[in-house]
Amino acid sequence: MPSISGIDFYKNLEKDLMVIFTTAFSEYAVEGFNLNAIDYLVKPFTFERFNQAVLKANEFFLYSKQTETPNRISFTSGPIIV
């Protein structure tokens, strides 16, 4: 984008959105992940790599939509002696 970077554009959005950054500049990848980007694709990228990023976004979306939150966790670590 000629007047603003994708990272700066994303920072100016009011809502947190899932984002996959695509760019020719790998040096911004760390900053992208610090902004909780789902993925960061460096051009040129293959369709397989693009598809991997989309599947990752879909998995994150499905995970984030789970409404059932457990209010307790239980586990055992050996035989219970009563």
PDB file of N, CA and C in Angstrom:
ATOM      1  N   MET A   1       0.855  -1.165   0.000  1.00  0.00           N
ATOM      2  CA  MET A   1       0.000   0.000   0.000  1.00  0.00           C
ATOM      3  C   MET A   1       0.905   1.233   0.000  1.00  0.00           C
ATOM      4  N   PRO A   2       0.673   2.154  -0.868  1.00  0.00           N
ATOM      5  CA  PRO A   2       1.625   3.255  -1.042  1.00  0.00           C
ATOM      6  C   PRO A   2       1.733   4.232   0.131  1.00  0.00           C
ATOM      7  N   SER A   3       0.657   4.527   0.830  1.00  0.00           N
ATOM      8  CA  SER A   3       0.738   5.583   1.842  1.00  0.00           C
ATOM      9  C   SER A   3       0.829   5.077   3.278  1.00  0.00           C
ATOM     10  N   ILE A   4       0.520   3.818   3.524  1.00  0.00           N
ATOM     11  CA  ILE A   4       0.553   3.271   4.878  1.00  0.00           C
ATOM     12  C   ILE A   4       0.870   1.775   4.792  1.00  0.00           C
ATOM     13  N   SER A   5       1.582   1.276   5.766  1.00  0.00           N
ATOM     14  CA  SER A   5       1.893  -0.154   5.758  1.00  0.00           C
ATOM     15  C   SER A   5       0.679  -0.948   6.235  1.00  0.00           C
ATOM     16  N   GLY A   6       0.637  -2.212   5.882  1.00  0.00           N
ATOM     17  CA  GLY A   6      -0.438  -3.078   6.338  1.00  0.00           C
ATOM     18  C   GLY A   6      -0.463  -3.195   7.850  1.00  0.00           C
ATOM     19  N   ILE A   7       0.708  -3.206   8.466  1.00  0.00           N
ATOM     20  CA  ILE A   7       0.789  -3.287   9.922  1.00  0.00           C
ATOM     21  C   ILE A   7       0.216  -2.034  10.552  1.00  0.00           C
ATOM     22  N   ASP A   8       0.567  -0.850  10.020  1.00  0.00           N
ATOM     23  CA  ASP A   8       0.011   0.397  10.548  1.00  0.00           C
ATOM     24  C   ASP A   8      -1.492   0.470  10.319  1.00  0.00           C
ATOM     25  N   PHE A   9      -1.953   0.003   9.162  1.00  0.00           N
ATOM     26  CA  PHE A   9      -3.382  -0.034   8.883  1.00  0.00           C
ATOM     27  C   PHE A   9      -4.098  -0.905   9.911  1.00  0.00           C
ATOM     28  N   TYR A  10      -3.546  -2.076  10.174  1.00  0.00           N
ATOM     29  CA  TYR A  10      -4.145  -2.999  11.140  1.00  0.00           C
ATOM     30  C   TYR A  10      -4.172  -2.391  12.538  1.00  0.00           C
ATOM     31  N   LYS A  11      -3.103  -1.695  12.931  1.00  0.00           N
ATOM     32  CA  LYS A  11      -3.047  -1.066  14.250  1.00  0.00           C
ATOM     33  C   LYS A  11      -4.140  -0.015  14.422  1.00  0.00           C
ATOM     34  N   ASN A  12      -4.571   0.608  13.337  1.00  0.00           N
ATOM     35  CA  ASN A  12      -5.572   1.673  13.403  1.00  0.00           C
ATOM     36  C   ASN A  12      -7.010   1.169  13.373  1.00  0.00           C
ATOM     37  N   LEU A  13      -7.208  -0.124  13.228  1.00  0.00           N
ATOM     38  CA  LEU A  13      -8.561  -0.665  13.232  1.00  0.00           C
ATOM     39  C   LEU A  13      -9.105  -0.684  14.655  1.00  0.00           C
ATOM     40  N   GLU A  14     -10.399  -0.475  14.792  1.00  0.00           N
ATOM     41  CA  GLU A  14     -11.007  -0.419  16.118  1.00  0.00           C
ATOM     42  C   GLU A  14     -11.187  -1.789  16.746  1.00  0.00           C
ATOM     43  N   LYS A  15     -11.420  -2.816  15.956  1.00  0.00           N
ATOM     44  CA  LYS A  15     -11.674  -4.152  16.480  1.00  0.00           C
ATOM     45  C   LYS A  15     -10.483  -5.053  16.218  1.00  0.00           C
ATOM     46  N   ASP A  16     -10.326  -6.024  17.096  1.00  0.00           N
ATOM     47  CA  ASP A  16      -9.344  -7.073  16.830  1.00  0.00           C
ATOM     48  C   ASP A  16      -9.921  -7.998  15.765  1.00  0.00           C
ATOM     49  N   LEU A  17      -9.197  -8.191  14.710  1.00  0.00           N
ATOM     50  CA  LEU A  17      -9.620  -9.049  13.614  1.00  0.00           C
ATOM     51  C   LEU A  17      -8.554 -10.094  13.364  1.00  0.00           C
ATOM     52  N   MET A  18      -8.970 -11.214  12.809  1.00  0.00           N
ATOM     53  CA  MET A  18      -7.989 -12.195  12.389  1.00  0.00           C
ATOM     54  C   MET A  18      -7.337 -11.657  11.122  1.00  0.00           C
ATOM     55  N   VAL A  19      -6.018 -11.728  11.071  1.00  0.00           N
ATOM     56  CA  VAL A  19      -5.323 -11.201   9.909  1.00  0.00           C
ATOM     57  C   VAL A  19      -4.209 -12.150   9.493  1.00  0.00           C
ATOM     58  N   ILE A  20      -4.055 -12.287   8.192  1.00  0.00           N
ATOM     59  CA  ILE A  20      -2.914 -12.980   7.606  1.00  0.00           C
ATOM     60  C   ILE A  20      -2.192 -11.926   6.777  1.00  0.00           C
ATOM     61  N   PHE A  21      -1.014 -11.543   7.197  1.00  0.00           N
ATOM     62  CA  PHE A  21      -0.241 -10.554   6.453  1.00  0.00           C
ATOM     63  C   PHE A  21       0.427 -11.234   5.260  1.00  0.00           C
ATOM     64  N   THR A  22       0.425 -10.571   4.115  1.00  0.00           N
ATOM     65  CA  THR A  22       1.156 -11.034   2.932  1.00  0.00           C
ATOM     66  C   THR A  22       2.024  -9.881   2.457  1.00  0.00           C
ATOM     67  N   THR A  23       3.305 -10.133   2.333  1.00  0.00           N
ATOM     68  CA  THR A  23       4.234  -9.070   1.953  1.00  0.00           C
ATOM     69  C   THR A  23       5.508  -9.673   1.375  1.00  0.00           C
ATOM     70  N   ALA A  24       6.294  -8.828   0.772  1.00  0.00           N
ATOM     71  CA  ALA A  24       7.595  -9.252   0.261  1.00  0.00           C
ATOM     72  C   ALA A  24       8.704  -8.991   1.288  1.00  0.00           C
ATOM     73  N   PHE A  25       8.341  -8.451   2.451  1.00  0.00           N
ATOM     74  CA  PHE A  25       9.341  -8.030   3.432  1.00  0.00           C
ATOM     75  C   PHE A  25       9.276  -8.895   4.694  1.00  0.00           C
ATOM     76  N   SER A  26      10.180  -9.837   4.795  1.00  0.00           N
ATOM     77  CA  SER A  26      10.170 -10.759   5.938  1.00  0.00           C
ATOM     78  C   SER A  26      10.560 -10.073   7.242  1.00  0.00           C
ATOM     79  N   GLU A  27      11.224  -8.934   7.189  1.00  0.00           N
ATOM     80  CA  GLU A  27      11.673  -8.274   8.412  1.00  0.00           C
ATOM     81  C   GLU A  27      10.530  -7.762   9.282  1.00  0.00           C
ATOM     82  N   TYR A  28       9.315  -7.717   8.758  1.00  0.00           N
ATOM     83  CA  TYR A  28       8.167  -7.259   9.543  1.00  0.00           C
ATOM     84  C   TYR A  28       7.382  -8.419  10.159  1.00  0.00           C
ATOM     85  N   ALA A  29       7.816  -9.627   9.948  1.00  0.00           N
ATOM     86  CA  ALA A  29       7.080 -10.801  10.430  1.00  0.00           C
ATOM     87  C   ALA A  29       6.946 -10.801  11.953  1.00  0.00           C
ATOM     88  N   VAL A  30       8.011 -10.489  12.659  1.00  0.00           N
ATOM     89  CA  VAL A  30       7.957 -10.506  14.127  1.00  0.00           C
ATOM     90  C   VAL A  30       6.920  -9.506  14.624  1.00  0.00           C
ATOM     91  N   GLU A  31       6.914  -8.319  14.045  1.00  0.00           N
ATOM     92  CA  GLU A  31       5.925  -7.321  14.445  1.00  0.00           C
ATOM     93  C   GLU A  31       4.508  -7.804  14.136  1.00  0.00           C
ATOM     94  N   GLY A  32       4.341  -8.467  13.000  1.00  0.00           N
ATOM     95  CA  GLY A  32       3.033  -9.020  12.656  1.00  0.00           C
ATOM     96  C   GLY A  32       2.560 -10.027  13.681  1.00  0.00           C
ATOM     97  N   PHE A  33       3.447 -10.919  14.100  1.00  0.00           N
ATOM     98  CA  PHE A  33       3.066 -11.906  15.104  1.00  0.00           C
ATOM     99  C   PHE A  33       2.870 -11.265  16.474  1.00  0.00           C
ATOM    100  N   ASN A  34       3.606 -10.188  16.773  1.00  0.00           N
ATOM    101  CA  ASN A  34       3.377  -9.465  18.024  1.00  0.00           C
ATOM    102  C   ASN A  34       1.990  -8.834  18.055  1.00  0.00           C
ATOM    103  N   LEU A  35       1.411  -8.608  16.899  1.00  0.00           N
ATOM    104  CA  LEU A  35       0.046  -8.087  16.800  1.00  0.00           C
ATOM    105  C   LEU A  35      -0.984  -9.219  16.742  1.00  0.00           C
ATOM    106  N   ASN A  36      -0.534 -10.423  17.007  1.00  0.00           N
ATOM    107  CA  ASN A  36      -1.389 -11.624  17.015  1.00  0.00           C
ATOM    108  C   ASN A  36      -1.927 -11.984  15.639  1.00  0.00           C
ATOM    109  N   ALA A  37      -1.126 -11.783  14.626  1.00  0.00           N
ATOM    110  CA  ALA A  37      -1.519 -12.216  13.285  1.00  0.00           C
ATOM    111  C   ALA A  37      -1.648 -13.734  13.276  1.00  0.00           C
ATOM    112  N   ILE A  38      -2.598 -14.227  12.506  1.00  0.00           N
ATOM    113  CA  ILE A  38      -2.767 -15.667  12.368  1.00  0.00           C
ATOM    114  C   ILE A  38      -1.566 -16.262  11.637  1.00  0.00           C
ATOM    115  N   ASP A  39      -1.088 -15.554  10.621  1.00  0.00           N
ATOM    116  CA  ASP A  39       0.058 -16.038   9.858  1.00  0.00           C
ATOM    117  C   ASP A  39       0.680 -14.861   9.118  1.00  0.00           C
ATOM    118  N   TYR A  40       1.841 -15.113   8.538  1.00  0.00           N
ATOM    119  CA  TYR A  40       2.586 -14.088   7.814  1.00  0.00           C
ATOM    120  C   TYR A  40       3.199 -14.758   6.592  1.00  0.00           C
ATOM    121  N   LEU A  41       2.708 -14.413   5.421  1.00  0.00           N
ATOM    122  CA  LEU A  41       3.181 -15.029   4.182  1.00  0.00           C
ATOM    123  C   LEU A  41       4.127 -14.082   3.462  1.00  0.00           C
ATOM    124  N   VAL A  42       5.291 -14.597   3.113  1.00  0.00           N
ATOM    125  CA  VAL A  42       6.272 -13.798   2.376  1.00  0.00           C
ATOM    126  C   VAL A  42       6.157 -14.149   0.895  1.00  0.00           C
ATOM    127  N   LYS A  43       5.971 -13.125   0.084  1.00  0.00           N
ATOM    128  CA  LYS A  43       5.835 -13.306  -1.372  1.00  0.00           C
ATOM    129  C   LYS A  43       7.180 -13.655  -1.979  1.00  0.00           C
ATOM    130  N   PRO A  44       7.233 -14.456  -2.981  1.00  0.00           N
ATOM    131  CA  PRO A  44       6.118 -15.226  -3.533  1.00  0.00           C
ATOM    132  C   PRO A  44       5.856 -16.447  -2.663  1.00  0.00           C
ATOM    133  N   PHE A  45       4.599 -16.793  -2.492  1.00  0.00           N
ATOM    134  CA  PHE A  45       4.251 -17.977  -1.723  1.00  0.00           C
ATOM    135  C   PHE A  45       3.412 -18.909  -2.588  1.00  0.00           C
ATOM    136  N   THR A  46       3.444 -20.169  -2.236  1.00  0.00           N
ATOM    137  CA  THR A  46       2.733 -21.183  -3.014  1.00  0.00           C
ATOM    138  C   THR A  46       1.267 -21.243  -2.569  1.00  0.00           C
ATOM    139  N   PHE A  47       0.459 -21.862  -3.411  1.00  0.00           N
ATOM    140  CA  PHE A  47      -0.936 -22.070  -3.030  1.00  0.00           C
ATOM    141  C   PHE A  47      -1.022 -22.938  -1.785  1.00  0.00           C
ATOM    142  N   GLU A  48      -0.146 -23.930  -1.682  1.00  0.00           N
ATOM    143  CA  GLU A  48      -0.146 -24.808  -0.512  1.00  0.00           C
ATOM    144  C   GLU A  48       0.122 -24.015   0.765  1.00  0.00           C
ATOM    145  N   ARG A  49       1.055 -23.076   0.696  1.00  0.00           N
ATOM    146  CA  ARG A  49       1.370 -22.251   1.876  1.00  0.00           C
ATOM    147  C   ARG A  49       0.202 -21.328   2.207  1.00  0.00           C
ATOM    148  N   PHE A  50      -0.443 -20.764   1.191  1.00  0.00           N
ATOM    149  CA  PHE A  50      -1.620 -19.935   1.388  1.00  0.00           C
ATOM    150  C   PHE A  50      -2.740 -20.765   2.022  1.00  0.00           C
ATOM    151  N   ASN A  51      -2.960 -21.957   1.499  1.00  0.00           N
ATOM    152  CA  ASN A  51      -3.998 -22.833   2.024  1.00  0.00           C
ATOM    153  C   ASN A  51      -3.718 -23.190   3.481  1.00  0.00           C
ATOM    154  N   GLN A  52      -2.464 -23.421   3.822  1.00  0.00           N
ATOM    155  CA  GLN A  52      -2.086 -23.713   5.203  1.00  0.00           C
ATOM    156  C   GLN A  52      -2.478 -22.550   6.122  1.00  0.00           C
ATOM    157  N   ALA A  53      -2.244 -21.331   5.679  1.00  0.00           N
ATOM    158  CA  ALA A  53      -2.598 -20.150   6.478  1.00  0.00           C
ATOM    159  C   ALA A  53      -4.112 -20.037   6.644  1.00  0.00           C
ATOM    160  N   VAL A  54      -4.852 -20.308   5.588  1.00  0.00           N
ATOM    161  CA  VAL A  54      -6.317 -20.235   5.655  1.00  0.00           C
ATOM    162  C   VAL A  54      -6.865 -21.310   6.598  1.00  0.00           C
ATOM    163  N   LEU A  55      -6.329 -22.513   6.528  1.00  0.00           N
ATOM    164  CA  LEU A  55      -6.764 -23.578   7.431  1.00  0.00           C
ATOM    165  C   LEU A  55      -6.451 -23.225   8.885  1.00  0.00           C
ATOM    166  N   LYS A  56      -5.308 -22.606   9.094  1.00  0.00           N
ATOM    167  CA  LYS A  56      -4.922 -22.171  10.439  1.00  0.00           C
ATOM    168  C   LYS A  56      -5.912 -21.124  10.949  1.00  0.00           C
ATOM    169  N   ALA A  57      -6.305 -20.182  10.095  1.00  0.00           N
ATOM    170  CA  ALA A  57      -7.283 -19.165  10.472  1.00  0.00           C
ATOM    171  C   ALA A  57      -8.634 -19.811  10.780  1.00  0.00           C
ATOM    172  N   ASN A  58      -9.025 -20.774   9.978  1.00  0.00           N
ATOM    173  CA  ASN A  58     -10.295 -21.455  10.208  1.00  0.00           C
ATOM    174  C   ASN A  58     -10.290 -22.202  11.534  1.00  0.00           C
ATOM    175  N   GLU A  59      -9.203 -22.890  11.838  1.00  0.00           N
ATOM    176  CA  GLU A  59      -9.100 -23.599  13.119  1.00  0.00           C
ATOM    177  C   GLU A  59      -9.174 -22.625  14.287  1.00  0.00           C
ATOM    178  N   PHE A  60      -8.491 -21.502  14.166  1.00  0.00           N
ATOM    179  CA  PHE A  60      -8.524 -20.485  15.221  1.00  0.00           C
ATOM    180  C   PHE A  60      -9.938 -19.947  15.388  1.00  0.00           C
ATOM    181  N   PHE A  61     -10.620 -19.679  14.275  1.00  0.00           N
ATOM    182  CA  PHE A  61     -11.988 -19.170  14.316  1.00  0.00           C
ATOM    183  C   PHE A  61     -12.911 -20.160  15.016  1.00  0.00           C
ATOM    184  N   LEU A  62     -12.838 -21.429  14.640  1.00  0.00           N
ATOM    185  CA  LEU A  62     -13.689 -22.444  15.255  1.00  0.00           C
ATOM    186  C   LEU A  62     -13.392 -22.581  16.747  1.00  0.00           C
ATOM    187  N   TYR A  63     -12.122 -22.534  17.112  1.00  0.00           N
ATOM    188  CA  TYR A  63     -11.731 -22.621  18.522  1.00  0.00           C
ATOM    189  C   TYR A  63     -12.263 -21.426  19.308  1.00  0.00           C
ATOM    190  N   SER A  64     -12.192 -20.238  18.727  1.00  0.00           N
ATOM    191  CA  SER A  64     -12.619 -19.027  19.426  1.00  0.00           C
ATOM    192  C   SER A  64     -14.134 -18.957  19.580  1.00  0.00           C
ATOM    193  N   LYS A  65     -14.879 -19.710  18.776  1.00  0.00           N
ATOM    194  CA  LYS A  65     -16.342 -19.692  18.844  1.00  0.00           C
ATOM    195  C   LYS A  65     -16.905 -20.735  19.807  1.00  0.00           C
ATOM    196  N   GLN A  66     -16.047 -21.515  20.418  1.00  0.00           N
ATOM    197  CA  GLN A  66     -16.527 -22.493  21.389  1.00  0.00           C
ATOM    198  C   GLN A  66     -17.072 -21.737  22.599  1.00  0.00           C
ATOM    199  N   THR A  67     -18.326 -21.976  22.913  1.00  0.00           N
ATOM    200  CA  THR A  67     -18.968 -21.228  23.994  1.00  0.00           C
ATOM    201  C   THR A  67     -18.908 -21.949  25.326  1.00  0.00           C
ATOM    202  N   GLU A  68     -18.661 -23.233  25.304  1.00  0.00           N
ATOM    203  CA  GLU A  68     -18.641 -23.987  26.541  1.00  0.00           C
ATOM    204  C   GLU A  68     -17.279 -23.845  27.207  1.00  0.00           C
ATOM    205  N   THR A  69     -17.254 -23.153  28.310  1.00  0.00           N
ATOM    206  CA  THR A  69     -16.022 -22.945  29.052  1.00  0.00           C
ATOM    207  C   THR A  69     -16.098 -23.762  30.341  1.00  0.00           C
ATOM    208  N   PRO A  70     -15.190 -24.678  30.536  1.00  0.00           N
ATOM    209  CA  PRO A  70     -15.257 -25.478  31.764  1.00  0.00           C
ATOM    210  C   PRO A  70     -14.998 -24.611  32.988  1.00  0.00           C
ATOM    211  N   ASN A  71     -15.767 -24.877  34.064  1.00  0.00           N
ATOM    212  CA  ASN A  71     -15.546 -24.111  35.288  1.00  0.00           C
ATOM    213  C   ASN A  71     -14.750 -24.909  36.309  1.00  0.00           C
ATOM    214  N   ARG A  72     -14.318 -26.092  35.908  1.00  0.00           N
ATOM    215  CA  ARG A  72     -13.435 -26.876  36.773  1.00  0.00           C
ATOM    216  C   ARG A  72     -12.631 -27.852  35.924  1.00  0.00           C
ATOM    217  N   ILE A  73     -11.511 -28.225  36.451  1.00  0.00           N
ATOM    218  CA  ILE A  73     -10.648 -29.203  35.802  1.00  0.00           C
ATOM    219  C   ILE A  73     -10.334 -30.261  36.840  1.00  0.00           C
ATOM    220  N   SER A  74     -10.482 -31.528  36.455  1.00  0.00           N
ATOM    221  CA  SER A  74     -10.140 -32.597  37.385  1.00  0.00           C
ATOM    222  C   SER A  74      -9.196 -33.570  36.700  1.00  0.00           C
ATOM    223  N   PHE A  75      -8.337 -34.180  37.484  1.00  0.00           N
ATOM    224  CA  PHE A  75      -7.402 -35.150  36.960  1.00  0.00           C
ATOM    225  C   PHE A  75      -6.958 -36.058  38.087  1.00  0.00           C
ATOM    226  N   THR A  76      -6.438 -37.206  37.723  1.00  0.00           N
ATOM    227  CA  THR A  76      -5.864 -38.120  38.694  1.00  0.00           C
ATOM    228  C   THR A  76      -4.457 -38.456  38.250  1.00  0.00           C
ATOM    229  N   SER A  77      -3.627 -38.765  39.212  1.00  0.00           N
ATOM    230  CA  SER A  77      -2.244 -39.077  38.869  1.00  0.00           C
ATOM    231  C   SER A  77      -1.820 -40.459  39.355  1.00  0.00           C
ATOM    232  N   GLY A  78      -2.745 -41.228  39.830  1.00  0.00           N
ATOM    233  CA  GLY A  78      -2.417 -42.567  40.310  1.00  0.00           C
ATOM    234  C   GLY A  78      -3.620 -43.190  40.973  1.00  0.00           C
ATOM    235  N   PRO A  79      -3.441 -44.339  41.584  1.00  0.00           N
ATOM    236  CA  PRO A  79      -4.582 -44.988  42.248  1.00  0.00           C
ATOM    237  C   PRO A  79      -5.087 -44.154  43.415  1.00  0.00           C
ATOM    238  N   ILE A  80      -6.399 -44.154  43.557  1.00  0.00           N
ATOM    239  CA  ILE A  80      -7.022 -43.427  44.683  1.00  0.00           C
ATOM    240  C   ILE A  80      -7.204 -44.415  45.812  1.00  0.00           C
ATOM    241  N   ILE A  81      -6.668 -44.100  46.972  1.00  0.00           N
ATOM    242  CA  ILE A  81      -6.781 -44.968  48.155  1.00  0.00           C
ATOM    243  C   ILE A  81      -7.747 -44.298  49.118  1.00  0.00           C
ATOM    244  N   VAL A  82      -8.808 -45.044  49.464  1.00  0.00           N
ATOM    245  CA  VAL A  82      -9.827 -44.486  50.347  1.00  0.00           C
ATOM    246  C   VAL A  82      -9.722 -45.115  51.712  1.00  0.00           C
TER     247      VAL A  82
END
